[in-house]
Amino acid sequence: MGKQLESITVELKEFIEDQKIFFVGTAAEEGRVNVSPKGTDSFRVIDPNTIAWLNLTGSGNETAAHVILNDRMTIMFCAFEGKPMILRLYGKAKIYHKRHRRYQDFIALFPENTGARQVIEMHVDLVQTSCGFAVPFMDYKEERETLNAWSSKQGVQGIETYWEKKNTKSIDGFETEILWDSQEQ
């Protein structure tokens, strides 16, 4: 059944690499709790206690707003194929926008994407596995290309215009800092 570990083992890293989707949970001290599904080739295990993932442009920017206010994050993977398992990574996250040096350090780990919005780095302080016996089997068919096609069509300037309209504040009105002209962080 379930186990709690201090770090990501080699076996769990392989499990993560095989998954097609993961879920990110964040919350500020007040307001709504956000759970976001993430896909594409956007997740990396950096070392046993550090992960990074590429946050692509979307209709909201809740994760960024929450991490700025409260750095707690939970990431969950579910086995929809093969041996049943749920894997949760708990930790403290930092968000890096394109203007940050750490963004530049991480971005080369991911395929090029016009819609790249932020890179989130998380220090993992607890790893938990559970059975996943009730998670249904689902067959992976293929990636959806809709988001990438939309981003490419917008181009860099179009994406930044979209951020200005849709990604500067969370649904609770929290700042995402996406377009701030701040100094290196």
C-alpha atoms as a PDB file:
ATOM      1  CA  MET A   1       0.000   0.000   0.000  1.00  0.00           C
ATOM      2  CA  GLY A   2       1.142   3.563   0.626  1.00  0.00           C
ATOM      3  CA  LYS A   3       4.631   4.705   1.564  1.00  0.00           C
ATOM      4  CA  GLN A   4       6.174   8.004   2.544  1.00  0.00           C
ATOM      5  CA  LEU A   5       9.699   8.778   1.384  1.00  0.00           C
ATOM      6  CA  GLU A   6      12.080  11.694   1.735  1.00  0.00           C
ATOM      7  CA  SER A   7      13.026  11.760  -1.957  1.00  0.00           C
ATOM      8  CA  ILE A   8      12.232  10.508  -5.451  1.00  0.00           C
ATOM      9  CA  THR A   9      13.728   7.060  -6.018  1.00  0.00           C
ATOM     10  CA  VAL A  10      15.064   5.831  -9.362  1.00  0.00           C
ATOM     11  CA  GLU A  11      11.937   3.663  -9.762  1.00  0.00           C
ATOM     12  CA  LEU A  12       9.619   6.603  -9.065  1.00  0.00           C
ATOM     13  CA  LYS A  13      11.564   8.797 -11.507  1.00  0.00           C
ATOM     14  CA  GLU A  14      10.976   6.143 -14.190  1.00  0.00           C
ATOM     15  CA  PHE A  15       7.271   6.058 -13.262  1.00  0.00           C
ATOM     16  CA  ILE A  16       7.086   9.864 -13.611  1.00  0.00           C
ATOM     17  CA  GLU A  17       8.797   9.760 -17.010  1.00  0.00           C
ATOM     18  CA  ASP A  18       6.201   7.238 -18.254  1.00  0.00           C
ATOM     19  CA  GLN A  19       3.178   9.375 -17.304  1.00  0.00           C
ATOM     20  CA  LYS A  20       1.330  11.500 -19.864  1.00  0.00           C
ATOM     21  CA  ILE A  21      -0.435  13.788 -17.378  1.00  0.00           C
ATOM     22  CA  PHE A  22       0.137  15.220 -13.922  1.00  0.00           C
ATOM     23  CA  PHE A  23      -1.948  17.425 -11.645  1.00  0.00           C
ATOM     24  CA  VAL A  24      -0.745  20.510  -9.754  1.00  0.00           C
ATOM     25  CA  GLY A  25      -2.442  21.755  -6.585  1.00  0.00           C
ATOM     26  CA  THR A  26      -1.868  25.225  -5.111  1.00  0.00           C
ATOM     27  CA  ALA A  27      -3.678  27.696  -2.876  1.00  0.00           C
ATOM     28  CA  ALA A  28      -3.129  31.149  -1.455  1.00  0.00           C
ATOM     29  CA  GLU A  29      -4.051  31.741   2.184  1.00  0.00           C
ATOM     30  CA  GLU A  30      -7.487  32.942   1.012  1.00  0.00           C
ATOM     31  CA  GLY A  31      -9.524  32.395  -2.113  1.00  0.00           C
ATOM     32  CA  ARG A  32      -9.934  29.323  -4.246  1.00  0.00           C
ATOM     33  CA  VAL A  33      -7.827  26.173  -4.272  1.00  0.00           C
ATOM     34  CA  ASN A  34      -6.549  25.412  -7.761  1.00  0.00           C
ATOM     35  CA  VAL A  35      -5.942  21.985  -9.295  1.00  0.00           C
ATOM     36  CA  SER A  36      -4.578  22.007 -12.841  1.00  0.00           C
ATOM     37  CA  PRO A  37      -3.982  19.094 -15.206  1.00  0.00           C
ATOM     38  CA  LYS A  38      -0.714  19.365 -17.125  1.00  0.00           C
ATOM     39  CA  GLY A  39       0.457  17.396 -20.123  1.00  0.00           C
ATOM     40  CA  THR A  40       2.931  17.440 -22.988  1.00  0.00           C
ATOM     41  CA  ASP A  41       6.648  16.960 -22.424  1.00  0.00           C
ATOM     42  CA  SER A  42       6.776  19.482 -19.579  1.00  0.00           C
ATOM     43  CA  PHE A  43       8.078  17.761 -16.421  1.00  0.00           C
ATOM     44  CA  ARG A  44      11.647  17.033 -15.310  1.00  0.00           C
ATOM     45  CA  VAL A  45      13.153  15.382 -12.261  1.00  0.00           C
ATOM     46  CA  ILE A  46      16.323  17.403 -11.662  1.00  0.00           C
ATOM     47  CA  ASP A  47      17.557  15.390  -8.677  1.00  0.00           C
ATOM     48  CA  PRO A  48      15.893  13.245  -5.967  1.00  0.00           C
ATOM     49  CA  ASN A  49      14.497  16.346  -4.224  1.00  0.00           C
ATOM     50  CA  THR A  50      14.088  18.845  -7.076  1.00  0.00           C
ATOM     51  CA  ILE A  51      11.652  18.916  -9.966  1.00  0.00           C
ATOM     52  CA  ALA A  52      10.927  21.529 -12.620  1.00  0.00           C
ATOM     53  CA  TRP A  53       8.017  21.870 -14.981  1.00  0.00           C
ATOM     54  CA  LEU A  54       7.194  24.161 -17.867  1.00  0.00           C
ATOM     55  CA  ASN A  55       3.974  26.117 -17.414  1.00  0.00           C
ATOM     56  CA  LEU A  56       2.395  26.855 -20.787  1.00  0.00           C
ATOM     57  CA  THR A  57       0.111  29.772 -21.593  1.00  0.00           C
ATOM     58  CA  GLY A  58      -3.483  29.007 -20.738  1.00  0.00           C
ATOM     59  CA  SER A  59      -6.765  30.685 -19.953  1.00  0.00           C
ATOM     60  CA  GLY A  60      -5.719  31.429 -16.371  1.00  0.00           C
ATOM     61  CA  ASN A  61      -2.522  31.763 -14.364  1.00  0.00           C
ATOM     62  CA  GLU A  62      -3.608  30.552 -10.946  1.00  0.00           C
ATOM     63  CA  THR A  63      -0.490  28.548 -10.145  1.00  0.00           C
ATOM     64  CA  ALA A  64       1.789  31.576 -10.544  1.00  0.00           C
ATOM     65  CA  ALA A  65      -0.426  33.795  -8.398  1.00  0.00           C
ATOM     66  CA  HIS A  66      -0.652  31.179  -5.672  1.00  0.00           C
ATOM     67  CA  VAL A  67       3.066  30.347  -5.576  1.00  0.00           C
ATOM     68  CA  ILE A  68       3.937  34.045  -5.234  1.00  0.00           C
ATOM     69  CA  LEU A  69       1.690  34.235  -2.150  1.00  0.00           C
ATOM     70  CA  ASN A  70       2.165  30.752  -0.728  1.00  0.00           C
ATOM     71  CA  ASP A  71       4.946  28.491  -1.959  1.00  0.00           C
ATOM     72  CA  ARG A  72       3.314  25.164  -0.996  1.00  0.00           C
ATOM     73  CA  MET A  73       2.600  22.870  -3.926  1.00  0.00           C
ATOM     74  CA  THR A  74       1.413  19.306  -4.431  1.00  0.00           C
ATOM     75  CA  ILE A  75       1.943  17.394  -7.657  1.00  0.00           C
ATOM     76  CA  MET A  76       0.065  14.168  -8.310  1.00  0.00           C
ATOM     77  CA  PHE A  77       0.566  11.443 -10.894  1.00  0.00           C
ATOM     78  CA  CYS A  78      -1.868   8.543 -11.426  1.00  0.00           C
ATOM     79  CA  ALA A  79      -1.134   5.316 -13.257  1.00  0.00           C
ATOM     80  CA  PHE A  80      -3.864   4.972 -15.868  1.00  0.00           C
ATOM     81  CA  GLU A  81      -2.013   2.033 -17.467  1.00  0.00           C
ATOM     82  CA  GLY A  82      -0.077  -0.862 -15.983  1.00  0.00           C
ATOM     83  CA  LYS A  83       0.507  -1.361 -12.271  1.00  0.00           C
ATOM     84  CA  PRO A  84      -1.804   0.844 -10.147  1.00  0.00           C
ATOM     85  CA  MET A  85      -0.216   3.689  -8.219  1.00  0.00           C
ATOM     86  CA  ILE A  86      -0.798   7.280  -7.172  1.00  0.00           C
ATOM     87  CA  LEU A  87       2.315   9.364  -6.569  1.00  0.00           C
ATOM     88  CA  ARG A  88       2.245  12.709  -4.765  1.00  0.00           C
ATOM     89  CA  LEU A  89       5.153  15.114  -4.478  1.00  0.00           C
ATOM     90  CA  TYR A  90       4.877  17.726  -1.722  1.00  0.00           C
ATOM     91  CA  GLY A  91       7.122  20.719  -1.385  1.00  0.00           C
ATOM     92  CA  LYS A  92       7.932  24.383  -1.769  1.00  0.00           C
ATOM     93  CA  ALA A  93       7.906  25.962  -5.211  1.00  0.00           C
ATOM     94  CA  LYS A  94       9.409  28.980  -6.920  1.00  0.00           C
ATOM     95  CA  ILE A  95       8.130  30.511 -10.109  1.00  0.00           C
ATOM     96  CA  TYR A  96      10.468  31.860 -12.768  1.00  0.00           C
ATOM     97  CA  HIS A  97       9.354  34.138 -15.575  1.00  0.00           C
ATOM     98  CA  LYS A  98      11.324  34.696 -18.775  1.00  0.00           C
ATOM     99  CA  ARG A  99      13.140  37.661 -17.226  1.00  0.00           C
ATOM    100  CA  HIS A 100      14.676  35.518 -14.469  1.00  0.00           C
ATOM    101  CA  ARG A 101      18.082  33.895 -14.769  1.00  0.00           C
ATOM    102  CA  ARG A 102      16.766  30.583 -13.382  1.00  0.00           C
ATOM    103  CA  TYR A 103      14.156  30.465 -16.161  1.00  0.00           C
ATOM    104  CA  GLN A 104      17.013  30.606 -18.651  1.00  0.00           C
ATOM    105  CA  ASP A 105      18.805  27.823 -16.749  1.00  0.00           C
ATOM    106  CA  PHE A 106      15.777  25.517 -16.989  1.00  0.00           C
ATOM    107  CA  ILE A 107      14.158  26.312 -20.343  1.00  0.00           C
ATOM    108  CA  ALA A 108      16.718  24.307 -22.342  1.00  0.00           C
ATOM    109  CA  LEU A 109      15.441  21.137 -20.617  1.00  0.00           C
ATOM    110  CA  PHE A 110      12.134  21.367 -22.493  1.00  0.00           C
ATOM    111  CA  PRO A 111      11.110  21.330 -26.160  1.00  0.00           C
ATOM    112  CA  GLU A 112      10.818  24.815 -27.657  1.00  0.00           C
ATOM    113  CA  ASN A 113       7.308  26.193 -27.269  1.00  0.00           C
ATOM    114  CA  THR A 114       5.980  29.644 -28.205  1.00  0.00           C
ATOM    115  CA  GLY A 115       3.489  29.387 -25.336  1.00  0.00           C
ATOM    116  CA  ALA A 116       6.156  28.861 -22.642  1.00  0.00           C
ATOM    117  CA  ARG A 117       5.049  31.104 -19.799  1.00  0.00           C
ATOM    118  CA  GLN A 118       6.954  30.175 -16.649  1.00  0.00           C
ATOM    119  CA  VAL A 119       9.148  27.453 -15.232  1.00  0.00           C
ATOM    120  CA  ILE A 120       8.241  26.215 -11.785  1.00  0.00           C
ATOM    121  CA  GLU A 121      10.933  24.655  -9.627  1.00  0.00           C
ATOM    122  CA  MET A 122       9.904  22.691  -6.574  1.00  0.00           C
ATOM    123  CA  HIS A 123      11.993  21.390  -3.694  1.00  0.00           C
ATOM    124  CA  VAL A 124      10.368  18.074  -2.775  1.00  0.00           C
ATOM    125  CA  ASP A 125      10.246  17.462   0.974  1.00  0.00           C
ATOM    126  CA  LEU A 126       7.839  14.499   0.970  1.00  0.00           C
ATOM    127  CA  VAL A 127       7.073  11.782  -1.554  1.00  0.00           C
ATOM    128  CA  GLN A 128       4.010   9.646  -1.005  1.00  0.00           C
ATOM    129  CA  THR A 129       2.769   6.639  -2.918  1.00  0.00           C
ATOM    130  CA  SER A 130      -0.654   5.063  -2.530  1.00  0.00           C
ATOM    131  CA  CYS A 131      -2.364   2.098  -4.130  1.00  0.00           C
ATOM    132  CA  GLY A 132      -4.374   3.656  -6.935  1.00  0.00           C
ATOM    133  CA  PHE A 133      -6.650   0.604  -6.975  1.00  0.00           C
ATOM    134  CA  ALA A 134      -9.699   2.746  -7.818  1.00  0.00           C
ATOM    135  CA  VAL A 135      -8.010   4.715 -10.633  1.00  0.00           C
ATOM    136  CA  PRO A 136      -9.541   3.527 -13.916  1.00  0.00           C
ATOM    137  CA  PHE A 137      -7.580   2.152 -16.846  1.00  0.00           C
ATOM    138  CA  MET A 138      -7.445   4.642 -19.676  1.00  0.00           C
ATOM    139  CA  ASP A 139      -5.601   4.237 -22.947  1.00  0.00           C
ATOM    140  CA  TYR A 140      -3.295   7.002 -24.103  1.00  0.00           C
ATOM    141  CA  LYS A 141      -4.089   7.832 -27.705  1.00  0.00           C
ATOM    142  CA  GLU A 142      -1.989  10.888 -28.573  1.00  0.00           C
ATOM    143  CA  GLU A 143      -1.098  14.426 -27.529  1.00  0.00           C
ATOM    144  CA  ARG A 144      -3.537  17.211 -28.328  1.00  0.00           C
ATOM    145  CA  GLU A 145      -1.800  19.736 -30.568  1.00  0.00           C
ATOM    146  CA  THR A 146      -4.434  22.453 -30.107  1.00  0.00           C
ATOM    147  CA  LEU A 147      -2.556  24.536 -27.506  1.00  0.00           C
ATOM    148  CA  ASN A 148       0.759  24.400 -29.357  1.00  0.00           C
ATOM    149  CA  ALA A 149      -0.897  25.260 -32.690  1.00  0.00           C
ATOM    150  CA  TRP A 150      -2.747  28.178 -31.070  1.00  0.00           C
ATOM    151  CA  SER A 151       0.471  29.471 -29.437  1.00  0.00           C
ATOM    152  CA  SER A 152       2.422  29.223 -32.676  1.00  0.00           C
ATOM    153  CA  LYS A 153      -0.318  31.071 -34.549  1.00  0.00           C
ATOM    154  CA  GLN A 154      -0.273  33.888 -31.947  1.00  0.00           C
ATOM    155  CA  GLY A 155       3.500  34.307 -32.099  1.00  0.00           C
ATOM    156  CA  VAL A 156       5.534  35.833 -29.274  1.00  0.00           C
ATOM    157  CA  GLN A 157       3.866  39.264 -29.483  1.00  0.00           C
ATOM    158  CA  GLY A 158       0.392  37.741 -29.624  1.00  0.00           C
ATOM    159  CA  ILE A 159       1.135  35.583 -26.585  1.00  0.00           C
ATOM    160  CA  GLU A 160       2.311  38.610 -24.604  1.00  0.00           C
ATOM    161  CA  THR A 161      -0.854  40.491 -25.587  1.00  0.00           C
ATOM    162  CA  TYR A 162      -2.885  37.488 -24.396  1.00  0.00           C
ATOM    163  CA  TRP A 163      -0.970  37.470 -21.084  1.00  0.00           C
ATOM    164  CA  GLU A 164      -1.855  41.134 -20.604  1.00  0.00           C
ATOM    165  CA  LYS A 165      -5.559  40.381 -21.124  1.00  0.00           C
ATOM    166  CA  LYS A 166      -5.885  37.009 -19.384  1.00  0.00           C
ATOM    167  CA  ASN A 167      -2.835  36.131 -17.271  1.00  0.00           C
ATOM    168  CA  THR A 168      -1.869  39.112 -15.072  1.00  0.00           C
ATOM    169  CA  LYS A 169      -4.338  38.351 -12.255  1.00  0.00           C
ATOM    170  CA  SER A 170      -5.795  35.183 -10.788  1.00  0.00           C
ATOM    171  CA  ILE A 171      -9.545  34.624 -10.611  1.00  0.00           C
ATOM    172  CA  ASP A 172      -9.323  35.907  -7.018  1.00  0.00           C
ATOM    173  CA  GLY A 173      -7.501  39.062  -8.185  1.00  0.00           C
ATOM    174  CA  PHE A 174      -3.989  38.034  -7.075  1.00  0.00           C
ATOM    175  CA  GLU A 175      -1.054  39.365  -9.097  1.00  0.00           C
ATOM    176  CA  THR A 176       0.878  36.864 -11.252  1.00  0.00           C
ATOM    177  CA  GLU A 177       3.841  39.187 -11.966  1.00  0.00           C
ATOM    178  CA  ILE A 178       3.997  37.863 -15.528  1.00  0.00           C
ATOM    179  CA  LEU A 179       4.587  41.260 -17.159  1.00  0.00           C
ATOM    180  CA  TRP A 180       6.443  43.014 -14.353  1.00  0.00           C
ATOM    181  CA  ASP A 181       9.553  44.912 -15.374  1.00  0.00           C
ATOM    182  CA  SER A 182      11.428  43.891 -12.252  1.00  0.00           C
ATOM    183  CA  GLN A 183      15.131  43.420 -11.809  1.00  0.00           C
ATOM    184  CA  GLU A 184      16.724  39.963 -11.951  1.00  0.00           C
ATOM    185  CA  GLN A 185      15.428  37.705  -9.223  1.00  0.00           C
END
